[in-house]
N, C-alpha and C. Protein backbone atom coordinates (compact mmCIF):
# COMPACT_ATOMS: atom_id res chain seq x y z
N MET A 1 -12.42 -105.40 -31.78
CA MET A 1 -11.68 -107.38 -31.33
C MET A 1 -10.11 -106.77 -30.84
N TYR A 2 -9.47 -106.52 -31.63
CA TYR A 2 -7.92 -106.39 -31.43
C TYR A 2 -7.29 -106.00 -30.54
N GLU A 3 -8.69 -104.20 -29.81
CA GLU A 3 -7.87 -103.26 -29.35
C GLU A 3 -8.08 -104.03 -27.61
N ASP A 4 -9.79 -105.00 -27.52
CA ASP A 4 -9.56 -105.74 -27.25
C ASP A 4 -9.41 -106.54 -25.88
N MET A 5 -8.74 -107.28 -26.58
CA MET A 5 -7.99 -108.71 -26.55
C MET A 5 -5.98 -108.20 -26.49
N GLY A 6 -6.46 -107.12 -27.00
CA GLY A 6 -5.04 -106.68 -26.52
C GLY A 6 -4.99 -106.30 -25.41
N LYS A 7 -5.83 -104.59 -24.47
CA LYS A 7 -5.63 -104.96 -23.03
C LYS A 7 -5.89 -105.96 -22.27
N SER A 8 -6.88 -107.56 -22.83
CA SER A 8 -6.77 -108.46 -21.42
C SER A 8 -5.31 -108.86 -21.41
N MET A 9 -4.16 -108.93 -22.65
CA MET A 9 -3.61 -109.85 -22.26
C MET A 9 -1.92 -108.85 -22.65
N GLY A 10 -1.86 -107.92 -22.11
CA GLY A 10 -1.00 -107.04 -21.80
C GLY A 10 -0.82 -105.60 -23.16
N ASP A 11 0.69 -105.36 -22.38
CA ASP A 11 1.25 -104.34 -23.63
C ASP A 11 2.59 -105.25 -24.40
N ASP A 12 2.08 -107.01 -24.54
CA ASP A 12 2.92 -107.58 -25.24
C ASP A 12 2.18 -108.26 -26.49
N VAL A 13 0.87 -108.14 -26.76
CA VAL A 13 -0.20 -108.02 -27.65
C VAL A 13 -0.43 -107.43 -28.22
N ILE A 14 0.03 -107.24 -30.11
CA ILE A 14 -0.46 -105.55 -31.14
C ILE A 14 -1.79 -106.36 -31.74
N GLY A 15 -2.73 -105.23 -31.96
CA GLY A 15 -3.69 -105.06 -32.88
C GLY A 15 -2.96 -105.37 -34.10
N GLY A 16 -3.33 -106.01 -35.13
CA GLY A 16 -3.39 -105.81 -36.26
C GLY A 16 -1.67 -107.54 -36.50
N GLY A 17 -1.30 -107.32 -35.20
CA GLY A 17 0.44 -108.17 -35.45
C GLY A 17 0.85 -109.45 -37.42
N GLU A 18 -1.08 -109.31 -37.41
CA GLU A 18 -0.69 -110.32 -39.04
C GLU A 18 -0.26 -109.86 -40.45
N PHE A 19 -0.42 -108.20 -39.77
CA PHE A 19 -0.32 -106.84 -41.31
C PHE A 19 1.31 -107.50 -40.90
N LEU A 20 2.01 -107.19 -39.61
CA LEU A 20 3.20 -106.81 -39.64
C LEU A 20 3.99 -108.19 -39.55
N ALA A 21 3.32 -109.49 -39.19
CA ALA A 21 4.05 -109.93 -39.90
C ALA A 21 4.13 -110.20 -41.91
N ALA A 22 2.77 -109.83 -42.36
CA ALA A 22 3.46 -110.16 -44.31
C ALA A 22 3.96 -109.24 -43.93
N ILE A 23 4.37 -107.76 -43.32
CA ILE A 23 5.39 -106.89 -44.28
C ILE A 23 6.80 -107.05 -43.37
N ASP A 24 6.95 -108.30 -42.64
CA ASP A 24 8.92 -108.41 -42.17
C ASP A 24 8.65 -109.54 -42.63
N ALA A 25 7.88 -110.88 -43.86
CA ALA A 25 7.54 -111.70 -44.74
C ALA A 25 8.11 -110.63 -46.18
N ALA A 26 7.84 -110.43 -46.47
CA ALA A 26 7.58 -109.23 -47.06
C ALA A 26 9.46 -109.00 -47.59
N LYS A 27 10.20 -107.85 -46.82
CA LYS A 27 10.95 -108.04 -46.74
C LYS A 27 12.38 -109.58 -46.76
N ALA A 28 12.09 -110.16 -45.83
CA ALA A 28 12.81 -110.50 -46.42
C ALA A 28 13.18 -111.73 -47.21
N LEU A 29 11.43 -112.16 -48.02
CA LEU A 29 12.01 -112.70 -49.23
C LEU A 29 13.03 -111.42 -50.28
N GLU A 30 12.80 -110.27 -49.94
CA GLU A 30 13.23 -108.83 -51.16
C GLU A 30 15.17 -109.06 -50.53
N GLU A 31 15.25 -109.01 -49.01
CA GLU A 31 17.34 -109.18 -49.19
C GLU A 31 17.30 -110.33 -49.62
N GLU A 32 16.39 -111.91 -49.50
CA GLU A 32 17.03 -112.64 -49.67
C GLU A 32 18.11 -113.43 -51.32
N GLY A 33 16.07 -112.96 -52.01
CA GLY A 33 16.53 -112.12 -53.85
C GLY A 33 17.57 -111.63 -53.41
N GLY A 34 18.34 -110.88 -52.86
CA GLY A 34 18.94 -109.65 -53.69
C GLY A 34 20.14 -110.31 -52.60
N GLY A 35 20.31 -111.56 -52.00
CA GLY A 35 21.36 -111.77 -51.28
C GLY A 35 21.93 -111.17 -50.28
N GLY A 36 20.89 -110.87 -49.81
CA GLY A 36 21.39 -110.03 -48.26
C GLY A 36 21.39 -108.57 -48.23
N GLY A 37 21.47 -108.18 -49.40
CA GLY A 37 22.44 -106.24 -48.72
C GLY A 37 20.79 -105.63 -49.65
N GLY A 38 19.80 -105.98 -50.20
CA GLY A 38 18.56 -105.31 -50.11
C GLY A 38 18.19 -105.78 -51.34
N GLY A 39 18.13 -105.79 -52.27
CA GLY A 39 18.55 -105.81 -53.68
C GLY A 39 17.72 -106.69 -54.05
N GLY A 40 16.80 -107.38 -53.54
CA GLY A 40 16.20 -108.32 -54.87
C GLY A 40 14.66 -107.63 -55.09
N SER A 41 13.81 -108.88 -55.58
CA SER A 41 12.87 -107.69 -56.42
C SER A 41 12.23 -107.62 -55.03
N PRO A 42 11.00 -107.21 -55.05
CA PRO A 42 9.94 -106.51 -54.49
C PRO A 42 9.26 -107.29 -54.61
N ALA A 43 8.40 -108.02 -52.95
CA ALA A 43 7.80 -108.49 -52.52
C ALA A 43 6.70 -107.90 -52.16
N LYS A 44 5.05 -108.61 -53.33
CA LYS A 44 3.53 -107.88 -53.19
C LYS A 44 3.06 -108.43 -51.88
N ILE A 45 3.32 -107.58 -51.37
CA ILE A 45 1.63 -108.13 -50.26
C ILE A 45 0.36 -107.38 -51.10
N VAL A 46 -0.39 -108.58 -50.35
CA VAL A 46 -1.69 -108.60 -51.22
C VAL A 46 -2.72 -109.74 -50.32
N LEU A 47 -3.75 -108.12 -49.48
CA LEU A 47 -4.54 -107.89 -48.34
C LEU A 47 -5.75 -109.23 -48.56
N ALA A 48 -5.73 -110.74 -49.52
CA ALA A 48 -6.90 -111.26 -49.44
C ALA A 48 -7.74 -111.95 -49.31
N ASP A 49 -8.20 -111.08 -48.03
CA ASP A 49 -9.36 -111.32 -46.91
C ASP A 49 -10.83 -111.23 -47.66
N ARG A 50 -11.81 -112.17 -47.22
CA ARG A 50 -12.77 -110.63 -47.09
C ARG A 50 -12.93 -110.56 -46.19
N ASP A 51 -13.57 -108.59 -46.87
CA ASP A 51 -13.85 -107.52 -45.66
C ASP A 51 -14.34 -108.13 -44.51
N SER A 52 -14.64 -107.86 -42.93
CA SER A 52 -15.02 -108.64 -42.30
C SER A 52 -16.28 -108.05 -42.60
N LEU A 53 -16.99 -106.61 -42.42
CA LEU A 53 -18.92 -106.80 -42.78
C LEU A 53 -19.53 -108.02 -43.73
N SER A 54 -18.46 -107.43 -44.24
CA SER A 54 -19.26 -108.64 -45.82
C SER A 54 -19.21 -110.05 -45.09
N THR A 55 -18.28 -110.19 -44.32
CA THR A 55 -18.64 -111.37 -43.74
C THR A 55 -19.65 -112.12 -42.99
N ILE A 56 -19.34 -110.83 -41.52
CA ILE A 56 -20.41 -110.99 -40.93
C ILE A 56 -22.03 -111.15 -41.48
N ARG A 57 -22.35 -110.17 -42.93
CA ARG A 57 -23.65 -109.94 -42.87
C ARG A 57 -24.02 -111.62 -43.41
N ARG A 58 -22.89 -111.76 -43.96
CA ARG A 58 -22.87 -113.29 -44.69
C ARG A 58 -23.06 -113.92 -44.00
N ALA A 59 -22.61 -114.21 -43.57
CA ALA A 59 -23.01 -114.94 -41.78
C ALA A 59 -24.55 -114.60 -41.60
N ALA A 60 -24.75 -113.06 -41.07
CA ALA A 60 -26.47 -112.99 -40.70
C ALA A 60 -26.88 -113.76 -41.78
N GLU A 61 -26.49 -113.43 -43.52
CA GLU A 61 -27.53 -113.71 -43.77
C GLU A 61 -28.12 -115.80 -44.22
N LEU A 62 -27.34 -115.99 -44.46
CA LEU A 62 -27.19 -117.48 -43.67
C LEU A 62 -28.19 -118.31 -42.65
N ALA A 63 -27.90 -117.41 -41.13
CA ALA A 63 -28.76 -117.56 -40.75
C ALA A 63 -29.98 -116.97 -40.67
N LEU A 64 -30.55 -116.42 -41.79
CA LEU A 64 -31.82 -115.93 -41.09
C LEU A 64 -31.90 -117.52 -42.33
N ARG A 65 -31.67 -117.18 -43.43
CA ARG A 65 -32.30 -118.44 -44.29
C ARG A 65 -32.43 -119.92 -43.38
N THR A 66 -31.92 -119.80 -41.72
CA THR A 66 -32.50 -121.21 -41.38
C THR A 66 -33.76 -121.40 -41.10
N GLY A 67 -34.27 -119.83 -40.30
CA GLY A 67 -35.74 -120.17 -40.46
C GLY A 67 -34.52 -119.27 -39.29
N ASP A 68 -33.31 -119.45 -38.09
CA ASP A 68 -34.15 -119.76 -36.43
C ASP A 68 -32.96 -119.00 -36.44
N PRO A 69 -32.90 -118.20 -36.72
CA PRO A 69 -31.42 -117.34 -36.62
C PRO A 69 -30.70 -116.91 -34.82
N PHE A 70 -31.37 -117.26 -34.19
CA PHE A 70 -31.36 -117.32 -32.50
C PHE A 70 -30.84 -118.20 -32.24
N GLY A 71 -31.66 -118.91 -33.05
CA GLY A 71 -31.29 -120.23 -32.24
C GLY A 71 -29.44 -120.92 -32.80
N VAL A 72 -28.46 -119.67 -34.08
CA VAL A 72 -27.70 -120.89 -34.32
C VAL A 72 -27.28 -119.93 -33.25
N LEU A 73 -27.28 -118.45 -32.76
CA LEU A 73 -26.13 -117.55 -32.16
C LEU A 73 -26.18 -118.76 -31.11
N SER A 74 -27.26 -119.25 -30.56
CA SER A 74 -26.81 -120.12 -29.60
C SER A 74 -26.56 -121.06 -29.19
N ALA A 75 -26.23 -122.12 -29.50
CA ALA A 75 -25.16 -122.93 -30.85
C ALA A 75 -24.35 -123.00 -30.55
N LEU A 76 -23.94 -121.95 -31.21
CA LEU A 76 -22.80 -121.09 -31.22
C LEU A 76 -21.92 -121.27 -30.26
N ASN A 77 -22.32 -119.79 -29.02
CA ASN A 77 -22.08 -119.25 -27.87
C ASN A 77 -21.56 -121.15 -27.02
N ASP A 78 -23.06 -121.50 -26.98
CA ASP A 78 -23.10 -123.18 -26.14
C ASP A 78 -21.65 -124.01 -26.83
N ALA A 79 -21.72 -124.27 -28.35
CA ALA A 79 -20.79 -125.15 -28.30
C ALA A 79 -19.13 -124.29 -28.24
N ASN A 80 -19.46 -123.22 -28.01
CA ASN A 80 -17.94 -122.74 -28.52
C ASN A 80 -17.92 -122.08 -27.08
N ARG A 81 -18.38 -121.77 -25.43
CA ARG A 81 -17.98 -122.01 -24.24
C ARG A 81 -17.65 -123.35 -23.30
N SER A 82 -18.10 -124.21 -24.12
CA SER A 82 -18.04 -125.84 -23.72
C SER A 82 -16.55 -125.99 -24.02
N GLU A 83 -16.57 -126.29 -25.02
CA GLU A 83 -15.09 -126.33 -26.22
C GLU A 83 -14.21 -125.44 -24.54
N MET A 84 -14.43 -124.08 -25.62
CA MET A 84 -13.98 -123.15 -24.72
C MET A 84 -12.82 -123.74 -22.85
N ASP A 85 -14.27 -123.62 -21.88
CA ASP A 85 -14.66 -124.05 -20.64
C ASP A 85 -13.33 -124.57 -20.00
N GLY A 86 -13.67 -126.19 -20.69
CA GLY A 86 -12.57 -127.23 -20.33
C GLY A 86 -11.19 -126.69 -20.99
N MET A 87 -10.67 -125.94 -21.93
CA MET A 87 -9.66 -126.07 -21.91
C MET A 87 -9.05 -124.50 -20.57
N GLU A 88 -9.77 -123.50 -21.03
CA GLU A 88 -9.94 -123.15 -20.10
C GLU A 88 -9.67 -123.22 -17.93
N ARG A 89 -9.86 -124.19 -17.84
CA ARG A 89 -10.12 -124.62 -16.72
C ARG A 89 -8.51 -125.97 -16.66
N LYS A 90 -8.16 -125.76 -17.73
CA LYS A 90 -6.60 -126.95 -17.99
C LYS A 90 -5.68 -125.78 -17.70
N VAL A 91 -5.97 -124.57 -17.79
CA VAL A 91 -5.05 -124.02 -17.84
C VAL A 91 -4.97 -123.28 -16.42
N ARG A 92 -5.66 -122.94 -16.26
CA ARG A 92 -6.08 -122.93 -15.09
C ARG A 92 -4.83 -123.67 -13.78
N ALA A 93 -5.67 -124.51 -13.86
CA ALA A 93 -5.00 -125.84 -12.84
C ALA A 93 -3.47 -126.03 -13.39
N ARG A 94 -2.97 -125.46 -14.34
CA ARG A 94 -1.69 -125.91 -15.13
C ARG A 94 -0.65 -124.30 -14.39
N LEU A 95 -1.79 -122.87 -14.14
CA LEU A 95 -0.89 -122.35 -13.86
C LEU A 95 -1.25 -121.79 -12.58
N GLY A 96 -2.20 -122.11 -11.75
CA GLY A 96 -1.74 -122.46 -9.99
C GLY A 96 -3.03 -121.02 -9.81
N GLU A 97 -3.20 -121.18 -8.41
CA GLU A 97 -4.26 -120.85 -7.78
C GLU A 97 -3.65 -118.27 -7.96
N GLY A 98 -3.74 -117.48 -8.12
CA GLY A 98 -3.09 -116.42 -8.04
C GLY A 98 -2.73 -115.97 -9.52
N ALA A 99 -3.60 -116.32 -10.03
CA ALA A 99 -2.80 -116.31 -11.43
C ALA A 99 -3.29 -114.85 -12.00
N GLU A 100 -2.84 -114.01 -12.28
CA GLU A 100 -3.80 -112.60 -13.06
C GLU A 100 -4.59 -112.82 -14.88
N GLU A 101 -5.09 -113.18 -15.19
CA GLU A 101 -6.54 -113.12 -16.28
C GLU A 101 -5.20 -112.22 -17.08
N ALA A 102 -4.18 -111.68 -17.40
CA ALA A 102 -4.05 -111.83 -18.55
C ALA A 102 -3.29 -112.49 -18.49
N GLU A 103 -2.02 -112.89 -18.10
CA GLU A 103 -1.77 -114.58 -18.15
C GLU A 103 -2.36 -115.78 -18.43
N VAL A 104 -3.06 -115.88 -17.88
CA VAL A 104 -4.29 -116.79 -18.13
C VAL A 104 -4.85 -116.76 -19.50
N THR A 105 -4.96 -115.77 -19.98
CA THR A 105 -5.54 -115.47 -22.09
C THR A 105 -4.50 -115.90 -22.43
N ALA A 106 -3.31 -115.58 -21.96
CA ALA A 106 -2.26 -115.16 -23.57
C ALA A 106 -1.65 -116.44 -23.20
N GLU A 107 -1.99 -117.45 -21.82
CA GLU A 107 -1.21 -118.81 -21.55
C GLU A 107 -2.85 -119.34 -22.93
N LEU A 108 -3.98 -119.11 -22.29
CA LEU A 108 -5.55 -120.11 -23.58
C LEU A 108 -5.20 -120.02 -25.15
N ILE A 109 -4.21 -118.38 -25.16
CA ILE A 109 -4.34 -118.55 -27.07
C ILE A 109 -3.25 -119.30 -27.25
N GLU A 110 -1.98 -119.99 -26.72
CA GLU A 110 -0.59 -120.66 -26.82
C GLU A 110 -1.24 -121.69 -26.45
N ALA A 111 -2.66 -121.84 -25.73
CA ALA A 111 -2.68 -123.69 -25.43
C ALA A 111 -2.87 -123.90 -26.77
N ILE A 112 -4.07 -123.11 -26.92
CA ILE A 112 -4.98 -123.30 -28.38
C ILE A 112 -3.99 -123.24 -29.48
N LYS A 113 -3.20 -122.61 -29.62
CA LYS A 113 -2.44 -122.68 -30.74
C LYS A 113 -1.53 -123.94 -30.45
N SER A 114 -0.94 -124.08 -29.76
CA SER A 114 -0.36 -125.91 -29.70
C SER A 114 -1.29 -126.89 -30.10
N ASP A 115 -2.76 -127.37 -30.03
CA ASP A 115 -2.63 -128.64 -29.76
C ASP A 115 -4.56 -128.33 -30.27
N ALA A 116 -2.85 -129.56 -31.13
CA ALA A 116 -3.83 -129.26 -32.80
C ALA A 116 -5.62 -130.48 -32.35
N LYS A 117 -4.74 -131.36 -31.19
CA LYS A 117 -6.28 -132.48 -31.57
C LYS A 117 -6.92 -131.37 -30.87
N PHE A 118 -7.14 -130.10 -29.66
CA PHE A 118 -8.05 -129.67 -30.09
C PHE A 118 -9.13 -128.94 -30.66
N ARG A 119 -8.25 -128.01 -31.47
CA ARG A 119 -8.42 -127.70 -33.00
C ARG A 119 -9.93 -127.88 -33.29
N ALA A 120 -8.77 -129.86 -33.51
CA ALA A 120 -10.04 -130.40 -34.37
C ALA A 120 -10.90 -130.75 -34.14
N GLY A 121 -11.66 -130.67 -32.75
CA GLY A 121 -12.19 -130.89 -32.20
C GLY A 121 -13.22 -129.88 -31.90
N LEU A 122 -13.18 -128.77 -31.53
CA LEU A 122 -13.69 -127.59 -31.12
C LEU A 122 -14.44 -127.29 -33.17
N PHE A 123 -13.47 -127.48 -34.56
CA PHE A 123 -13.78 -126.51 -35.54
C PHE A 123 -14.98 -127.68 -36.59
N GLU A 124 -14.56 -129.04 -35.76
CA GLU A 124 -15.69 -131.00 -35.90
C GLU A 124 -17.79 -130.07 -35.40
N ARG A 125 -17.07 -130.22 -34.43
CA ARG A 125 -18.07 -129.09 -33.72
C ARG A 125 -19.20 -128.33 -34.56
N LEU A 126 -17.88 -127.18 -34.53
CA LEU A 126 -19.23 -126.59 -34.98
C LEU A 126 -19.60 -126.81 -36.22
N GLU A 127 -19.02 -127.12 -36.65
CA GLU A 127 -19.12 -128.01 -39.21
C GLU A 127 -20.38 -128.75 -37.94
N ALA A 128 -20.23 -129.45 -36.91
CA ALA A 128 -21.14 -130.62 -36.65
C ALA A 128 -23.14 -129.56 -36.86
N GLU A 129 -22.77 -128.86 -35.31
CA GLU A 129 -23.93 -127.71 -34.62
C GLU A 129 -24.02 -126.36 -35.57
N VAL A 130 -22.83 -126.09 -36.15
CA VAL A 130 -23.76 -124.56 -36.80
C VAL A 130 -22.90 -124.19 -37.49
N PRO A 131 -23.33 -125.25 -38.77
CA PRO A 131 -23.09 -125.43 -40.29
C PRO A 131 -22.44 -124.21 -40.82
N VAL A 132 -23.83 -122.91 -40.25
CA VAL A 132 -23.59 -121.27 -40.97
C VAL A 132 -22.01 -120.29 -40.52
N PHE A 133 -21.84 -120.87 -39.49
CA PHE A 133 -20.68 -120.49 -39.03
C PHE A 133 -19.20 -121.09 -39.46
N THR A 134 -19.74 -121.94 -39.46
CA THR A 134 -18.42 -122.42 -40.41
C THR A 134 -17.95 -122.71 -42.25
N ARG A 135 -18.97 -122.47 -42.87
CA ARG A 135 -19.25 -121.73 -43.98
C ARG A 135 -19.00 -120.40 -43.88
N ALA A 136 -19.31 -119.22 -44.22
CA ALA A 136 -19.14 -118.05 -43.75
C ALA A 136 -17.86 -117.64 -42.89
N PHE A 137 -17.14 -118.09 -41.77
CA PHE A 137 -15.73 -117.32 -41.17
C PHE A 137 -14.99 -118.36 -41.33
N LEU A 138 -15.16 -119.34 -41.75
CA LEU A 138 -14.39 -120.29 -42.52
C LEU A 138 -14.09 -121.08 -43.92
N GLU A 139 -15.42 -121.48 -44.22
CA GLU A 139 -14.87 -122.06 -45.14
C GLU A 139 -14.86 -121.55 -46.86
N GLU A 140 -15.92 -120.32 -46.71
CA GLU A 140 -15.91 -119.64 -47.80
C GLU A 140 -14.45 -118.13 -48.09
N ARG A 141 -13.88 -118.37 -46.53
CA ARG A 141 -13.41 -117.70 -46.61
C ARG A 141 -11.49 -118.41 -47.14
N ASP A 142 -11.16 -119.63 -46.31
CA ASP A 142 -10.34 -120.14 -46.99
C ASP A 142 -9.95 -120.15 -48.34
N TYR A 143 -11.47 -120.50 -49.53
CA TYR A 143 -11.84 -120.50 -50.64
C TYR A 143 -11.16 -118.87 -51.15
N ILE A 144 -11.79 -118.51 -50.55
CA ILE A 144 -11.26 -116.44 -51.79
C ILE A 144 -9.81 -116.18 -51.41
N MET A 145 -9.33 -116.70 -49.49
CA MET A 145 -7.45 -116.37 -49.35
C MET A 145 -7.05 -117.36 -50.59
N SER A 146 -7.64 -118.45 -50.87
CA SER A 146 -6.18 -119.93 -50.89
C SER A 146 -6.61 -119.58 -53.07
N GLU A 147 -8.06 -119.22 -53.45
CA GLU A 147 -7.35 -118.05 -54.67
C GLU A 147 -6.72 -117.15 -55.31
N ALA A 148 -7.21 -116.17 -53.44
CA ALA A 148 -5.85 -115.50 -54.04
C ALA A 148 -4.45 -115.35 -53.78
N VAL A 149 -4.32 -116.46 -53.39
CA VAL A 149 -2.69 -116.68 -53.56
C VAL A 149 -2.88 -118.17 -54.53
N ARG A 150 -3.28 -118.82 -55.60
CA ARG A 150 -3.90 -119.32 -56.16
C ARG A 150 -3.33 -117.94 -57.60
N ARG A 151 -3.87 -116.98 -57.61
CA ARG A 151 -3.53 -115.70 -58.19
C ARG A 151 -2.17 -115.56 -58.48
N GLU A 152 -1.39 -115.76 -57.67
CA GLU A 152 0.26 -115.42 -57.85
C GLU A 152 1.14 -116.13 -58.23
N GLU A 153 0.61 -117.48 -58.85
CA GLU A 153 1.65 -118.50 -59.18
C GLU A 153 2.49 -117.68 -59.85
N GLY A 154 2.32 -117.18 -60.52
CA GLY A 154 2.85 -116.60 -60.94
C GLY A 154 4.70 -116.19 -60.89
N SER A 155 4.13 -116.30 -58.93
CA SER A 155 5.90 -115.42 -58.42
C SER A 155 6.06 -116.69 -58.03
N ARG A 156 7.73 -116.53 -58.23
CA ARG A 156 8.46 -117.96 -58.18
C ARG A 156 8.61 -117.65 -56.38
N ARG A 157 8.39 -116.63 -55.53
CA ARG A 157 8.34 -117.53 -54.79
C ARG A 157 6.92 -116.69 -53.87
N ALA A 158 5.91 -116.51 -52.92
CA ALA A 158 4.85 -116.11 -52.42
C ALA A 158 4.29 -116.67 -50.48
N VAL A 159 4.03 -116.17 -49.95
CA VAL A 159 4.01 -115.63 -47.86
C VAL A 159 3.18 -115.42 -48.10
N ALA A 160 1.93 -116.64 -47.43
CA ALA A 160 0.49 -116.04 -46.47
C ALA A 160 0.38 -115.90 -44.98
N VAL A 161 0.35 -115.46 -44.79
CA VAL A 161 -0.17 -114.74 -43.37
C VAL A 161 -1.28 -114.78 -43.07
N VAL A 162 -1.93 -116.10 -42.58
CA VAL A 162 -3.26 -115.98 -41.68
C VAL A 162 -3.75 -116.31 -40.97
N GLY A 163 -5.00 -116.22 -40.38
CA GLY A 163 -4.74 -117.16 -38.92
C GLY A 163 -5.38 -118.40 -39.44
N LEU A 164 -4.91 -118.94 -38.18
CA LEU A 164 -4.40 -120.94 -37.98
C LEU A 164 -5.60 -121.49 -37.91
N ALA A 165 -6.84 -121.34 -38.11
CA ALA A 165 -7.72 -121.80 -38.50
C ALA A 165 -7.99 -122.08 -39.60
N HIS A 166 -7.39 -121.35 -40.49
CA HIS A 166 -8.26 -120.99 -41.63
C HIS A 166 -6.18 -121.67 -42.65
N VAL A 167 -5.26 -122.32 -42.00
CA VAL A 167 -4.30 -123.51 -42.48
C VAL A 167 -4.91 -124.27 -42.87
N PRO A 168 -5.63 -125.02 -42.26
CA PRO A 168 -6.00 -126.11 -42.68
C PRO A 168 -6.71 -126.27 -44.85
N GLY A 169 -7.36 -125.39 -44.06
CA GLY A 169 -8.94 -125.20 -45.15
C GLY A 169 -7.59 -124.54 -46.46
N ILE A 170 -6.94 -123.65 -46.38
CA ILE A 170 -5.61 -123.01 -47.61
C ILE A 170 -5.19 -124.28 -48.12
N GLU A 171 -4.84 -124.88 -46.89
CA GLU A 171 -3.74 -126.10 -47.53
C GLU A 171 -4.37 -126.83 -48.80
N ARG A 172 -5.47 -127.26 -47.52
CA ARG A 172 -6.48 -128.36 -48.37
C ARG A 172 -7.18 -128.10 -50.35
N ASN A 173 -7.03 -126.48 -50.05
CA ASN A 173 -8.00 -126.32 -51.12
C ASN A 173 -6.75 -125.75 -52.70
N LEU A 174 -5.63 -125.72 -52.08
CA LEU A 174 -4.08 -125.67 -53.02
C LEU A 174 -3.85 -126.42 -54.12
N ARG A 175 -4.13 -127.62 -52.35
CA ARG A 175 -3.46 -128.92 -53.17
C ARG A 175 -4.36 -129.60 -54.28
N ALA A 176 -6.09 -129.41 -53.27
CA ALA A 176 -7.25 -130.56 -53.85
C ALA A 176 -7.77 -129.09 -55.25
N ALA A 177 -8.19 -128.17 -55.36
CA ALA A 177 -8.93 -127.90 -55.91
C ALA A 177 -8.20 -127.17 -57.33
N PHE A 178 -6.95 -126.22 -56.33
CA PHE A 178 -5.68 -125.80 -57.44
C PHE A 178 -5.52 -126.33 -58.19
N GLY A 179 -4.76 -127.60 -57.00
CA GLY A 179 -2.20 -128.46 -58.03
C GLY A 179 -1.57 -127.98 -57.54
N ILE A 180 -2.18 -127.27 -56.44
CA ILE A 180 -0.55 -126.05 -56.14
C ILE A 180 0.36 -126.48 -54.95
N GLU A 181 1.54 -127.22 -54.93
CA GLU A 181 1.52 -127.99 -53.37
C GLU A 181 1.85 -126.86 -53.16
N VAL A 182 1.41 -126.98 -51.84
CA VAL A 182 2.34 -126.40 -50.68
C VAL A 182 3.59 -126.95 -49.48
N GLU A 183 4.32 -126.13 -49.66
CA GLU A 183 5.60 -126.25 -48.90
C GLU A 183 5.84 -125.42 -48.06
N GLY A 184 6.58 -125.94 -46.61
CA GLY A 184 6.66 -125.07 -45.44
C GLY A 184 5.71 -124.47 -45.14
N VAL A 185 4.37 -124.81 -44.17
CA VAL A 185 3.22 -124.92 -43.38
C VAL A 185 3.90 -124.57 -42.19
N GLU A 186 4.03 -123.49 -41.87
CA GLU A 186 3.86 -123.21 -39.67
C GLU A 186 2.97 -123.57 -38.96
N ALA A 187 1.93 -123.95 -38.87
CA ALA A 187 1.40 -123.47 -38.08
C ALA A 187 1.39 -122.79 -36.87
N GLY A 188 0.15 -122.18 -35.99
CA GLY A 188 0.72 -121.21 -35.11
C GLY A 188 1.42 -120.12 -35.44
N ARG A 189 1.60 -119.67 -36.67
CA ARG A 189 2.49 -118.17 -37.47
C ARG A 189 2.53 -118.03 -38.34
N THR A 190 2.79 -118.46 -39.29
CA THR A 190 1.96 -118.31 -40.44
C THR A 190 1.80 -119.61 -41.72
N LEU A 191 1.07 -119.67 -42.95
CA LEU A 191 1.64 -120.24 -44.24
C LEU A 191 2.28 -119.52 -44.68
N GLN A 192 3.73 -120.22 -44.98
CA GLN A 192 4.93 -119.73 -45.20
C GLN A 192 5.22 -120.39 -46.24
N SER A 193 6.74 -119.90 -47.41
CA SER A 193 7.11 -119.92 -48.42
C SER A 193 6.38 -121.21 -49.78
N LEU A 194 5.38 -121.16 -49.83
CA LEU A 194 4.55 -121.45 -51.04
C LEU A 194 5.60 -121.18 -52.47
N SER A 195 6.34 -122.62 -52.29
CA SER A 195 7.46 -121.97 -53.54
C SER A 195 7.21 -122.97 -54.46
N ALA A 196 7.58 -122.91 -55.16
CA ALA A 196 8.03 -124.21 -56.82
C ALA A 196 5.90 -124.41 -57.04
N MET A 197 6.18 -123.36 -56.60
CA MET A 197 3.31 -123.17 -57.47
C MET A 197 4.09 -123.79 -58.55
N ALA A 198 2.30 -124.97 -59.40
CA ALA A 198 2.20 -125.16 -60.11
C ALA A 198 2.02 -124.28 -61.02
N GLN A 199 2.52 -124.56 -62.32
CA GLN A 199 2.26 -123.38 -63.20
C GLN A 199 0.88 -124.25 -64.55
N ASP A 200 0.07 -123.17 -64.71
CA ASP A 200 -1.13 -124.78 -65.29
C ASP A 200 -0.51 -125.19 -66.83
């Protein structure tokens, strides 16, 4: 998936960039802790998400439970295509005729990242029409990643690098389920600087 997206967008996109972002953030915390001289305490990187194959199996399990797994896939495709087609039309109109597909794809991704209203509408529609998808791919993973962050609450500071779709759910879980205050959320880039975490 990462490779296909990278090919469509050209050399500017590197598959697995979120992992590089996590490494860079950990290094920055170490340097900050050491007064810029690199002598700070090592920052631990935690691979907090559920394995992708496990998530796919979970989604398949939930879809089978509905008694109409193909109907679930059809509803997901219909909802996603309907919402994304509308955004793509806006992007193409803004770029004008002759825009290359790589440019359209890159601009489409940026438009989705910057349009909170669009994202909220898309997720609300998916939750209403394809609850199996939102449960397996969003809600359960949000909780798993939130719990991984909570387990680091003894640390002075922690950095979580997650997909944009997971930011609202993780922030909500940390505040409501775990009583942890979240500071410095940078939507569209990282969920960062979860400092001053509440202690048990």
